Protein backbone atom coordinates (compact mmCIF):
# COMPACT_ATOMS: atom_id res chain seq x y z
CA MET A 1 75.47 86.04 103.87
CA GLU A 2 78.61 87.66 102.46
CA SER A 3 76.63 90.14 100.36
CA ALA A 4 74.56 90.98 103.38
CA ALA A 5 77.68 91.88 105.29
CA PHE A 6 78.72 94.31 102.58
CA HIS A 7 75.23 95.76 102.43
CA ARG A 8 75.32 96.33 106.14
CA ASN A 9 78.68 98.06 105.91
CA SER A 10 77.63 100.27 103.00
CA SER A 11 75.14 102.18 105.06
CA SER A 12 76.12 104.58 107.80
CA SER A 13 72.80 104.03 109.51
CA ASN A 14 73.67 100.39 109.98
CA SER A 15 77.36 100.90 110.71
CA SER A 16 76.58 100.48 114.40
CA ALA A 17 76.79 96.76 113.68
CA ASN A 18 80.55 97.17 113.75
CA THR A 19 80.55 99.07 117.05
CA GLU A 20 81.07 95.86 118.97
CA LEU A 21 84.26 95.20 117.00
CA LEU A 22 85.92 98.52 117.83
CA SER A 23 84.93 101.87 119.26
CA ARG A 24 84.81 105.02 117.17
CA THR A 25 87.99 106.19 118.86
CA GLY A 26 89.63 102.89 118.00
CA TYR A 27 88.79 103.26 114.33
CA THR A 28 90.16 106.80 114.36
CA ILE A 29 93.44 105.61 115.90
CA LEU A 30 93.73 102.91 113.25
CA ALA A 31 93.06 105.49 110.54
CA VAL A 32 95.79 107.76 111.87
CA ILE A 33 98.32 104.93 112.13
CA MET A 34 97.59 103.65 108.64
CA GLY A 35 97.57 107.20 107.28
CA VAL A 36 101.05 107.82 108.67
CA PHE A 37 102.34 104.52 107.26
CA SER A 38 100.77 105.22 103.87
CA ALA A 39 102.02 108.80 103.58
CA ALA A 40 105.54 107.86 104.68
CA GLY A 41 105.60 104.86 102.36
CA ILE A 42 104.46 106.91 99.38
CA ILE A 43 106.97 109.69 100.00
CA LEU A 44 109.96 107.42 100.63
CA ASN A 45 109.34 105.14 97.67
CA VAL A 46 108.59 108.01 95.30
CA VAL A 47 111.90 109.58 96.32
CA VAL A 48 113.73 106.33 95.54
CA ILE A 49 112.09 106.03 92.11
CA VAL A 50 112.52 109.70 91.15
CA VAL A 51 116.17 109.88 92.23
CA THR A 52 116.97 106.71 90.30
CA VAL A 53 115.22 107.95 87.17
CA LYS A 54 116.93 111.36 87.30
CA HIS A 55 120.46 110.07 87.86
CA ARG A 56 121.78 107.84 85.13
CA GLN A 57 124.65 106.65 87.33
CA LEU A 58 122.13 104.95 89.62
CA ARG A 59 120.50 102.96 86.83
CA GLN A 60 122.81 99.98 87.20
CA PRO A 61 121.58 96.36 86.82
CA LEU A 62 122.08 95.75 90.54
CA SER A 63 119.71 98.64 91.24
CA TYR A 64 116.80 97.22 89.26
CA ALA A 65 115.55 95.03 92.08
CA LEU A 66 115.78 97.90 94.58
CA VAL A 67 113.71 100.16 92.32
CA ASN A 68 111.28 97.31 91.73
CA LEU A 69 110.92 96.93 95.50
CA ALA A 70 110.10 100.64 95.72
CA VAL A 71 107.44 100.24 93.00
CA CYS A 72 105.91 97.29 94.84
CA ASP A 73 105.80 99.16 98.14
CA LEU A 74 104.39 102.26 96.45
CA GLY A 75 101.60 100.12 95.00
CA CYS A 76 100.84 98.63 98.43
CA ALA A 77 100.73 102.08 100.02
CA VAL A 78 98.50 103.61 97.33
CA PHE A 79 96.09 100.74 96.68
CA GLY A 80 96.15 99.18 100.14
CA GLY A 81 97.16 101.79 102.70
CA LEU A 82 95.10 104.75 101.49
CA PRO A 83 91.79 102.83 101.12
CA THR A 84 92.27 101.30 104.57
CA THR A 85 92.92 104.77 105.99
CA VAL A 86 89.65 106.05 104.53
CA THR A 87 87.54 103.07 105.59
CA SER A 88 89.04 103.10 109.08
CA ALA A 89 88.26 106.78 109.42
CA MET A 90 84.66 106.06 108.44
CA GLY A 91 84.45 103.07 110.76
CA TYR A 92 83.26 100.62 108.12
CA PHE A 93 84.13 99.37 104.65
CA ASN A 94 82.22 101.54 102.21
CA LEU A 95 83.71 100.44 98.88
CA GLY A 96 81.32 97.56 98.21
CA ARG A 97 82.06 94.06 97.03
CA VAL A 98 83.94 95.17 93.91
CA GLY A 99 86.05 97.57 95.96
CA CYS A 100 86.88 94.80 98.40
CA VAL A 101 88.02 92.44 95.66
CA LEU A 102 90.08 95.12 93.93
CA GLU A 103 91.77 96.23 97.16
CA ALA A 104 92.53 92.67 98.25
CA PHE A 105 93.90 91.77 94.82
CA ALA A 106 96.07 94.90 94.66
CA VAL A 107 97.53 94.36 98.13
CA SER A 108 98.13 90.68 97.40
CA PHE A 109 99.65 91.42 93.99
CA PHE A 110 102.02 94.17 95.14
CA GLY A 111 102.72 92.43 98.47
CA ILE A 112 103.80 89.12 96.93
CA ALA A 113 105.86 90.98 94.33
CA SER A 114 107.57 92.80 97.19
CA LEU A 115 108.36 89.56 99.03
CA CYS A 116 109.68 87.98 95.85
CA THR A 117 111.81 91.05 95.13
CA VAL A 118 113.38 90.83 98.59
CA ALA A 119 114.24 87.21 97.78
CA VAL A 120 115.64 88.23 94.39
CA ILE A 121 117.81 90.88 96.05
CA SER A 122 119.24 88.29 98.43
CA VAL A 123 120.05 85.93 95.55
CA GLU A 124 121.67 88.72 93.52
CA ARG A 125 123.88 89.69 96.45
CA TYR A 126 124.84 86.09 97.07
CA VAL A 127 125.81 85.52 93.43
CA VAL A 128 127.68 88.81 93.02
CA VAL A 129 129.59 88.54 96.29
CA CYS A 130 130.29 84.81 96.37
CA TYR A 131 130.86 84.19 92.66
CA PRO A 132 132.39 87.38 91.26
CA MET A 133 134.46 85.41 88.77
CA GLY A 134 131.85 82.81 87.94
CA ALA A 135 131.14 81.52 84.46
CA VAL A 136 128.05 83.74 84.25
CA LEU A 137 128.63 87.35 85.29
CA PHE A 138 125.68 89.34 86.60
CA GLN A 139 124.36 91.42 83.73
CA THR A 140 121.33 93.48 82.77
CA ARG A 141 119.40 90.47 81.51
CA HIS A 142 119.77 88.75 84.87
CA ALA A 143 118.49 91.81 86.71
CA VAL A 144 115.53 92.12 84.34
CA ALA A 145 114.78 88.40 84.70
CA GLY A 146 114.64 88.74 88.49
CA VAL A 147 112.23 91.66 88.27
CA VAL A 148 110.01 89.91 85.73
CA LEU A 149 110.00 86.73 87.80
CA SER A 150 108.76 88.59 90.88
CA TRP A 151 105.81 90.09 88.98
CA VAL A 152 104.88 86.90 87.15
CA TRP A 153 105.05 84.84 90.33
CA SER A 154 102.90 87.39 92.13
CA PHE A 155 100.34 87.54 89.32
CA VAL A 156 100.05 83.75 89.15
CA TRP A 157 99.24 83.41 92.86
CA SER A 158 97.16 86.57 93.30
CA THR A 159 94.61 85.90 90.58
CA PRO A 160 93.07 82.52 91.62
CA PRO A 161 90.48 84.13 93.98
CA LEU A 162 89.24 86.15 91.00
CA PHE A 163 88.32 82.88 89.29
CA GLY A 164 86.85 80.93 92.20
CA TRP A 165 89.84 79.26 93.84
CA GLY A 166 89.97 81.07 97.16
CA THR A 167 88.01 84.15 98.16
CA PHE A 168 88.65 87.80 98.96
CA GLU A 169 86.65 89.16 101.88
CA LEU A 170 86.65 91.58 104.80
CA GLU A 171 89.06 90.80 107.63
CA GLY A 172 89.83 91.99 111.15
CA VAL A 173 87.68 94.94 112.14
CA LYS A 174 86.12 94.96 108.66
CA THR A 175 87.95 97.93 107.16
CA SER A 176 90.17 96.05 104.70
CA CYS A 177 90.00 92.94 102.56
CA ALA A 178 92.29 89.96 102.04
CA PRO A 179 92.21 86.28 101.09
CA LYS A 180 89.72 84.36 103.23
CA TRP A 181 92.26 82.58 105.42
CA HIS A 182 89.81 81.59 108.18
CA SER A 183 87.41 79.70 105.90
CA ARG A 184 86.95 75.94 106.27
CA ASP A 185 85.95 75.54 102.63
CA VAL A 186 88.19 73.06 100.83
CA GLY A 187 88.90 75.47 97.99
CA ASP A 188 89.76 78.35 100.32
CA MET A 189 91.95 76.17 102.54
CA SER A 190 93.85 74.57 99.66
CA TYR A 191 94.53 77.97 98.14
CA MET A 192 95.72 79.46 101.43
CA ILE A 193 98.01 76.51 102.18
CA ILE A 194 99.69 76.78 98.78
CA PHE A 195 99.70 80.57 99.09
CA PHE A 196 101.48 80.32 102.44
CA PHE A 197 104.21 77.96 101.27
CA LEU A 198 104.88 79.47 97.83
CA CYS A 199 104.43 83.16 98.64
CA PHE A 200 105.86 83.37 102.16
CA ALA A 201 107.79 80.24 103.17
CA LEU A 202 109.60 79.91 99.83
CA PRO A 203 110.79 83.55 99.58
CA PHE A 204 111.84 83.51 103.23
CA SER A 205 113.78 80.27 102.70
CA VAL A 206 115.56 81.81 99.71
CA VAL A 207 116.46 84.86 101.80
CA MET A 208 117.81 82.75 104.66
CA VAL A 209 119.82 80.41 102.44
CA SER A 210 121.30 83.24 100.36
CA TYR A 211 122.35 85.40 103.29
CA SER A 212 123.59 82.39 105.26
CA ARG A 213 125.84 81.39 102.40
CA LEU A 214 126.96 84.98 101.94
CA LEU A 215 127.91 85.27 105.61
CA TRP A 216 129.73 81.95 105.47
CA THR A 217 131.73 83.11 102.45
CA LEU A 218 132.55 86.41 104.11
CA ARG A 219 133.67 84.52 107.21
CA GLN A 220 136.08 82.41 105.18
CA VAL A 221 137.45 85.51 103.48
CA THR A 222 137.92 87.21 106.84
CA LYS A 223 139.83 84.20 108.17
CA LEU A 224 142.10 84.33 105.14
CA GLN A 225 142.72 88.02 105.70
CA VAL A 226 143.60 87.41 109.35
CA SER A 227 146.09 84.69 108.39
CA GLU A 228 147.73 86.96 105.80
CA THR A 229 147.75 90.33 107.54
CA GLY A 230 147.12 89.52 111.19
CA SER A 231 144.34 92.09 111.35
CA THR A 232 140.62 92.20 110.70
CA SER A 233 138.18 94.81 109.49
CA HIS A 234 134.70 95.68 110.62
CA VAL A 235 133.19 94.58 107.33
CA GLU A 236 132.03 91.19 108.59
CA VAL A 237 130.32 92.74 111.60
CA GLN A 238 128.70 95.42 109.46
CA VAL A 239 127.40 92.95 106.91
CA ALA A 240 126.16 90.57 109.60
CA ARG A 241 124.37 93.42 111.35
CA MET A 242 122.61 94.52 108.19
CA ILE A 243 121.58 90.99 107.30
CA VAL A 244 120.09 90.54 110.76
CA VAL A 245 118.19 93.80 110.32
CA MET A 246 116.85 92.74 106.92
CA VAL A 247 115.76 89.29 108.12
CA LEU A 248 114.15 90.69 111.26
CA ALA A 249 112.29 93.30 109.20
CA PHE A 250 111.02 90.54 106.93
CA LEU A 251 109.83 88.51 109.91
CA VAL A 252 108.31 91.41 111.85
CA THR A 253 106.29 92.63 108.88
CA TRP A 254 105.08 89.33 107.44
CA LEU A 255 105.45 86.53 110.00
CA PRO A 256 102.58 87.66 112.32
CA TYR A 257 100.12 87.66 109.43
CA ALA A 258 101.34 84.36 108.00
CA ALA A 259 101.48 82.69 111.43
CA LEU A 260 97.96 83.83 112.34
CA ALA A 261 96.51 82.56 109.07
CA LEU A 262 98.34 79.24 109.39
CA ALA A 263 97.24 78.78 113.01
CA VAL A 264 93.58 79.31 112.10
CA MET A 265 93.86 76.92 109.17
CA ILE A 266 95.37 74.22 111.39
CA ASP A 267 92.97 74.64 114.31
CA SER A 268 89.42 75.30 113.16
CA SER A 269 88.27 75.87 116.75
CA LEU A 270 90.72 78.71 117.30
CA TYR A 271 88.96 82.04 117.83
CA VAL A 272 90.85 85.21 117.01
CA ASP A 273 89.47 88.51 118.22
CA PRO A 274 88.92 90.87 115.23
CA VAL A 275 91.10 93.54 116.84
CA ILE A 276 93.92 91.03 117.32
CA ALA A 277 93.48 89.87 113.72
CA THR A 278 93.90 93.46 112.54
CA ILE A 279 97.32 93.97 114.13
CA PRO A 280 99.22 91.66 111.71
CA VAL A 281 97.59 93.51 108.80
CA TYR A 282 99.14 96.75 109.99
CA PHE A 283 102.52 95.09 110.49
CA ALA A 284 102.43 93.77 106.92
CA LYS A 285 101.45 97.12 105.42
CA SER A 286 104.17 98.88 107.41
CA SER A 287 106.74 97.16 105.19
CA THR A 288 106.19 99.97 102.68
CA VAL A 289 108.07 102.21 105.13
CA TYR A 290 110.71 99.79 106.42
CA ASN A 291 111.89 98.51 103.04
CA PRO A 292 113.11 101.81 101.53
CA ILE A 293 114.75 102.79 104.82
CA ILE A 294 116.62 99.51 105.20
CA TYR A 295 117.46 98.73 101.59
CA ILE A 296 118.12 102.27 100.34
CA PHE A 297 118.60 104.99 102.93
CA MET A 298 120.64 102.96 105.41
CA ASN A 299 123.22 102.57 102.67
CA ARG A 300 125.00 105.85 103.39
CA GLN A 301 127.42 105.83 100.52
CA VAL A 302 125.40 104.11 97.82
CA SER A 303 125.08 107.31 95.79
CA TRP A 304 128.81 108.10 96.06
CA PHE A 305 129.80 104.61 95.16
CA GLU A 306 127.45 104.30 92.21
CA VAL A 307 128.55 107.62 90.78
CA HIS A 308 132.20 106.55 90.89
CA LEU A 309 131.66 102.82 90.34
CA ASN A 310 132.76 102.58 86.73
CA SER A 311 135.86 104.74 87.09
CA HIS A 312 136.79 102.92 90.30
CA ILE A 313 136.59 99.53 88.62
CA GLN A 314 138.65 100.63 85.65
CA THR A 315 141.30 102.17 87.90
CA LYS A 316 141.60 99.04 90.01
CA LYS A 317 141.78 96.80 86.97
CA LYS A 318 144.69 98.79 85.57
CA ARG A 319 146.49 99.08 88.90
CA ASN A 320 146.08 95.56 90.24
CA SER A 321 145.22 93.52 87.14
CA GLY A 322 142.42 91.93 89.11
CA SER A 323 144.63 90.62 91.89
CA CYS A 324 142.34 91.49 94.75
CA CYS A 325 138.88 92.62 95.66
CA MET A 326 138.05 95.56 97.89
CA PHE A 327 135.29 96.20 100.38
CA MET A 328 134.16 99.82 100.61
CA THR A 329 132.90 101.25 103.87
CA ASN A 330 131.05 104.39 104.84
CA HIS A 331 134.35 105.85 106.04
CA ASP A 332 135.73 105.59 102.49
CA ARG A 333 138.31 103.07 103.66
CA VAL A 334 139.34 100.18 101.47
CA PHE A 335 139.93 96.74 102.95
CA PRO A 336 141.69 94.02 100.93
CA VAL A 337 139.57 90.92 101.16
CA SER A 338 140.91 88.01 99.19
CA ARG A 339 142.95 87.05 96.18
CA LEU A 340 140.12 84.69 95.36
CA HIS A 341 137.66 87.52 94.89
CA CYS A 342 139.14 89.56 92.08
CA CYS A 343 136.19 91.57 90.86
CA CYS A 344 136.47 95.04 92.32
CA GLY A 345 133.15 96.59 93.16
CA SER A 346 131.38 93.22 93.27
CA VAL A 347 130.27 93.47 96.88
CA TRP A 348 128.80 96.96 97.01
CA MET A 349 125.15 96.04 96.66
CA GLY A 350 122.80 97.93 98.96
CA PRO A 351 123.24 97.89 102.71
CA LEU A 352 125.86 95.18 102.53
CA VAL A 353 128.21 98.13 102.18
CA LEU A 354 127.70 100.76 104.87
């Protein structure tokens, strides 16, 4: 039955079978939307990668995860967004069974790696900000380990459908492929349940715990500053705002897809219109655009700070002998934070510093 579906979609003369799912105009609109997402995602992430490669000052350990995120999103845009744009423009999936499996695997592989990288970024920020003088300082090997972990974890949970545990098949309006989340087969269901908890719920929990602890630490530091100086800075508000943006972006892009799949797995009688089922797919693939904007370009002074990071740290060490830590803002102002945090430059990472 599955092969028959692909055979039907491989012929333009029989593509009218999909007319009931969506009109020709509808497919064209989807193609345009996905084309815009794909083109923007490719351009933005290529810019991030090229700029980092060309400027040695940007190749710091704390940047590895950000570049890895750009690579993941670039892979999703190229191997997931572009094929979906073409098949949507044609009105049917014309890449055959092999094309479906390859596209689904690529999107799953790069998508999970992206989610894991977002979790790694949150952990790195938590460790660097909250434990700047810990027994283990954040070094290159830790950054590399986080990147490797994201790829290994993604590979482990993306490959099972290639070997019979779970299945890749057409979804939504039949112009893209993904794990078969609506199947009632025991193998498919068991894979999707584990996939949901280990590749969505777990990374999201890590993100929430890390940023919650980071905000709590920042709150305690702010209270200490108020008691010592009688004044406050806007750092706490800025950091809180950016964390809310990052968490909301994570939820908007991935929660609809995960929630829909989980709802269908729980209630076998639940019918989801193919058009409705396609919407979460587009939200998920739009992350290739949101991620570089939020994690890279919204950090207005990341380039300035990275260029001057080493000299700034050395200057502060000589001047203050590590007596305080400073928060940098996009207005180039310096706010003393706490005598407890005596690693200057330890809280710069990404949009946590605006």
